[in-house]
């Protein structure tokens, strides 16, 4: 009989110690990361950090607008949207006549 490496984990792939649910601290952490990305996006790389804040806030809210929503998650989404819009307006403003290379 051959040695069976890894057979113990194949019997119960979703054992209690190996699962990861998005509840409690995980959602709170995502919300705080989203708020930090949104605030930092007002100063640098708003076109990148704004969408990152929106995604983190959306995941922290549980991917839905229904039910109770944690305040930091909503703040991350709203500030991320504002941050992204301001970055796009800034990029469009920089490409108008007078600011080009010619």
C-alpha atoms as a PDB file:
ATOM      1  CA  UNK A   1       0.000   0.000   0.000  1.00  0.00           C
ATOM      2  CA  UNK A   2       1.341   3.411  -0.933  1.00  0.00           C
ATOM      3  CA  UNK A   3       1.552   6.363   1.401  1.00  0.00           C
ATOM      4  CA  UNK A   4      -1.365   8.732   0.923  1.00  0.00           C
ATOM      5  CA  UNK A   5      -0.261  12.290   1.283  1.00  0.00           C
ATOM      6  CA  UNK A   6      -3.041  14.822   1.798  1.00  0.00           C
ATOM      7  CA  UNK A   7      -5.876  12.315   2.095  1.00  0.00           C
ATOM      8  CA  UNK A   8      -6.944  13.704   5.474  1.00  0.00           C
ATOM      9  CA  UNK A   9      -7.936  17.079   4.030  1.00  0.00           C
ATOM     10  CA  UNK A  10      -9.824  15.569   1.089  1.00  0.00           C
ATOM     11  CA  UNK A  11     -12.388  13.894   3.284  1.00  0.00           C
ATOM     12  CA  UNK A  12     -13.593  17.126   4.838  1.00  0.00           C
ATOM     13  CA  UNK A  13     -12.502  20.033   2.617  1.00  0.00           C
ATOM     14  CA  UNK A  14     -14.737  22.499   4.454  1.00  0.00           C
ATOM     15  CA  UNK A  15     -13.786  21.641   7.972  1.00  0.00           C
ATOM     16  CA  UNK A  16     -14.516  24.227  10.616  1.00  0.00           C
ATOM     17  CA  UNK A  17     -10.940  25.423  10.945  1.00  0.00           C
ATOM     18  CA  UNK A  18     -10.464  26.015   7.227  1.00  0.00           C
ATOM     19  CA  UNK A  19     -13.492  28.086   6.344  1.00  0.00           C
ATOM     20  CA  UNK A  20     -13.511  31.861   6.227  1.00  0.00           C
ATOM     21  CA  UNK A  21     -16.659  33.906   6.463  1.00  0.00           C
ATOM     22  CA  UNK A  22     -17.037  37.614   5.838  1.00  0.00           C
ATOM     23  CA  UNK A  23     -18.613  38.630   9.104  1.00  0.00           C
ATOM     24  CA  UNK A  24     -17.642  40.805  12.015  1.00  0.00           C
ATOM     25  CA  UNK A  25     -14.044  41.986  12.012  1.00  0.00           C
ATOM     26  CA  UNK A  26     -13.465  41.107   8.352  1.00  0.00           C
ATOM     27  CA  UNK A  27     -16.158  43.516   7.195  1.00  0.00           C
ATOM     28  CA  UNK A  28     -15.016  46.174   9.638  1.00  0.00           C
ATOM     29  CA  UNK A  29     -11.467  45.855   8.365  1.00  0.00           C
ATOM     30  CA  UNK A  30     -12.581  46.179   4.751  1.00  0.00           C
ATOM     31  CA  UNK A  31     -14.613  49.264   5.628  1.00  0.00           C
ATOM     32  CA  UNK A  32     -11.681  50.933   7.356  1.00  0.00           C
ATOM     33  CA  UNK A  33      -9.333  50.072   4.487  1.00  0.00           C
ATOM     34  CA  UNK A  34     -11.878  51.599   2.113  1.00  0.00           C
ATOM     35  CA  UNK A  35     -12.079  54.819   4.125  1.00  0.00           C
ATOM     36  CA  UNK A  36      -8.286  55.071   4.247  1.00  0.00           C
ATOM     37  CA  UNK A  37      -8.066  54.535   0.480  1.00  0.00           C
ATOM     38  CA  UNK A  38     -10.727  57.178  -0.129  1.00  0.00           C
ATOM     39  CA  UNK A  39      -9.061  59.795   2.075  1.00  0.00           C
ATOM     40  CA  UNK A  40      -5.617  59.082   0.636  1.00  0.00           C
ATOM     41  CA  UNK A  41      -7.108  59.270  -2.860  1.00  0.00           C
ATOM     42  CA  UNK A  42      -7.960  62.932  -2.362  1.00  0.00           C
ATOM     43  CA  UNK A  43      -4.233  63.650  -2.178  1.00  0.00           C
ATOM     44  CA  UNK A  44      -2.565  61.071  -4.460  1.00  0.00           C
ATOM     45  CA  UNK A  45      -3.694  58.594  -7.150  1.00  0.00           C
ATOM     46  CA  UNK A  46      -7.402  59.317  -6.869  1.00  0.00           C
ATOM     47  CA  UNK A  47      -8.117  57.460 -10.096  1.00  0.00           C
ATOM     48  CA  UNK A  48      -6.772  54.255  -8.509  1.00  0.00           C
ATOM     49  CA  UNK A  49      -7.644  54.657  -4.828  1.00  0.00           C
ATOM     50  CA  UNK A  50     -11.197  55.860  -5.476  1.00  0.00           C
ATOM     51  CA  UNK A  51     -12.358  52.641  -7.146  1.00  0.00           C
ATOM     52  CA  UNK A  52     -10.415  50.632  -4.540  1.00  0.00           C
ATOM     53  CA  UNK A  53     -12.377  52.423  -1.817  1.00  0.00           C
ATOM     54  CA  UNK A  54     -15.656  51.736  -3.619  1.00  0.00           C
ATOM     55  CA  UNK A  55     -14.855  48.031  -3.919  1.00  0.00           C
ATOM     56  CA  UNK A  56     -13.754  47.715  -0.280  1.00  0.00           C
ATOM     57  CA  UNK A  57     -16.845  49.552   0.936  1.00  0.00           C
ATOM     58  CA  UNK A  58     -19.150  47.466  -1.254  1.00  0.00           C
ATOM     59  CA  UNK A  59     -17.617  44.223   0.029  1.00  0.00           C
ATOM     60  CA  UNK A  60     -17.859  45.482   3.605  1.00  0.00           C
ATOM     61  CA  UNK A  61     -21.574  46.146   3.097  1.00  0.00           C
ATOM     62  CA  UNK A  62     -22.096  42.557   2.007  1.00  0.00           C
ATOM     63  CA  UNK A  63     -22.550  43.404  -1.692  1.00  0.00           C
ATOM     64  CA  UNK A  64     -26.036  44.825  -1.237  1.00  0.00           C
ATOM     65  CA  UNK A  65     -27.811  48.014  -0.271  1.00  0.00           C
ATOM     66  CA  UNK A  66     -30.484  46.142   1.679  1.00  0.00           C
ATOM     67  CA  UNK A  67     -30.437  45.718   5.438  1.00  0.00           C
ATOM     68  CA  UNK A  68     -28.318  47.526   7.973  1.00  0.00           C
ATOM     69  CA  UNK A  69     -25.083  48.952   6.645  1.00  0.00           C
ATOM     70  CA  UNK A  70     -22.043  49.844   8.728  1.00  0.00           C
ATOM     71  CA  UNK A  71     -21.302  53.563   8.616  1.00  0.00           C
ATOM     72  CA  UNK A  72     -17.607  53.242   7.620  1.00  0.00           C
ATOM     73  CA  UNK A  73     -18.580  51.111   4.629  1.00  0.00           C
ATOM     74  CA  UNK A  74     -21.061  53.702   3.364  1.00  0.00           C
ATOM     75  CA  UNK A  75     -18.500  56.466   3.965  1.00  0.00           C
ATOM     76  CA  UNK A  76     -15.923  54.485   1.961  1.00  0.00           C
ATOM     77  CA  UNK A  77     -18.316  54.057  -0.971  1.00  0.00           C
ATOM     78  CA  UNK A  78     -19.452  57.692  -0.993  1.00  0.00           C
ATOM     79  CA  UNK A  79     -15.950  59.144  -0.625  1.00  0.00           C
ATOM     80  CA  UNK A  80     -14.649  56.690  -3.222  1.00  0.00           C
ATOM     81  CA  UNK A  81     -17.285  57.868  -5.703  1.00  0.00           C
ATOM     82  CA  UNK A  82     -16.473  61.534  -5.010  1.00  0.00           C
ATOM     83  CA  UNK A  83     -12.767  60.787  -5.261  1.00  0.00           C
ATOM     84  CA  UNK A  84     -13.159  58.985  -8.587  1.00  0.00           C
ATOM     85  CA  UNK A  85     -15.348  61.720 -10.069  1.00  0.00           C
ATOM     86  CA  UNK A  86     -12.886  64.436  -9.022  1.00  0.00           C
ATOM     87  CA  UNK A  87      -9.978  62.468 -10.493  1.00  0.00           C
ATOM     88  CA  UNK A  88     -11.807  61.990 -13.811  1.00  0.00           C
ATOM     89  CA  UNK A  89     -12.772  65.681 -13.928  1.00  0.00           C
ATOM     90  CA  UNK A  90      -9.166  66.597 -13.191  1.00  0.00           C
ATOM     91  CA  UNK A  91      -7.913  64.369 -15.970  1.00  0.00           C
ATOM     92  CA  UNK A  92     -10.454  65.769 -18.412  1.00  0.00           C
ATOM     93  CA  UNK A  93      -9.564  69.317 -17.369  1.00  0.00           C
ATOM     94  CA  UNK A  94      -5.892  68.632 -17.954  1.00  0.00           C
ATOM     95  CA  UNK A  95      -6.549  67.510 -21.517  1.00  0.00           C
ATOM     96  CA  UNK A  96      -8.370  70.658 -22.647  1.00  0.00           C
ATOM     97  CA  UNK A  97      -6.772  73.279 -24.902  1.00  0.00           C
ATOM     98  CA  UNK A  98      -4.046  75.271 -23.258  1.00  0.00           C
ATOM     99  CA  UNK A  99      -2.738  72.485 -21.091  1.00  0.00           C
ATOM    100  CA  UNK A 100      -1.563  70.197 -23.875  1.00  0.00           C
ATOM    101  CA  UNK A 101       1.959  69.664 -25.106  1.00  0.00           C
ATOM    102  CA  UNK A 102       1.499  71.883 -28.185  1.00  0.00           C
END
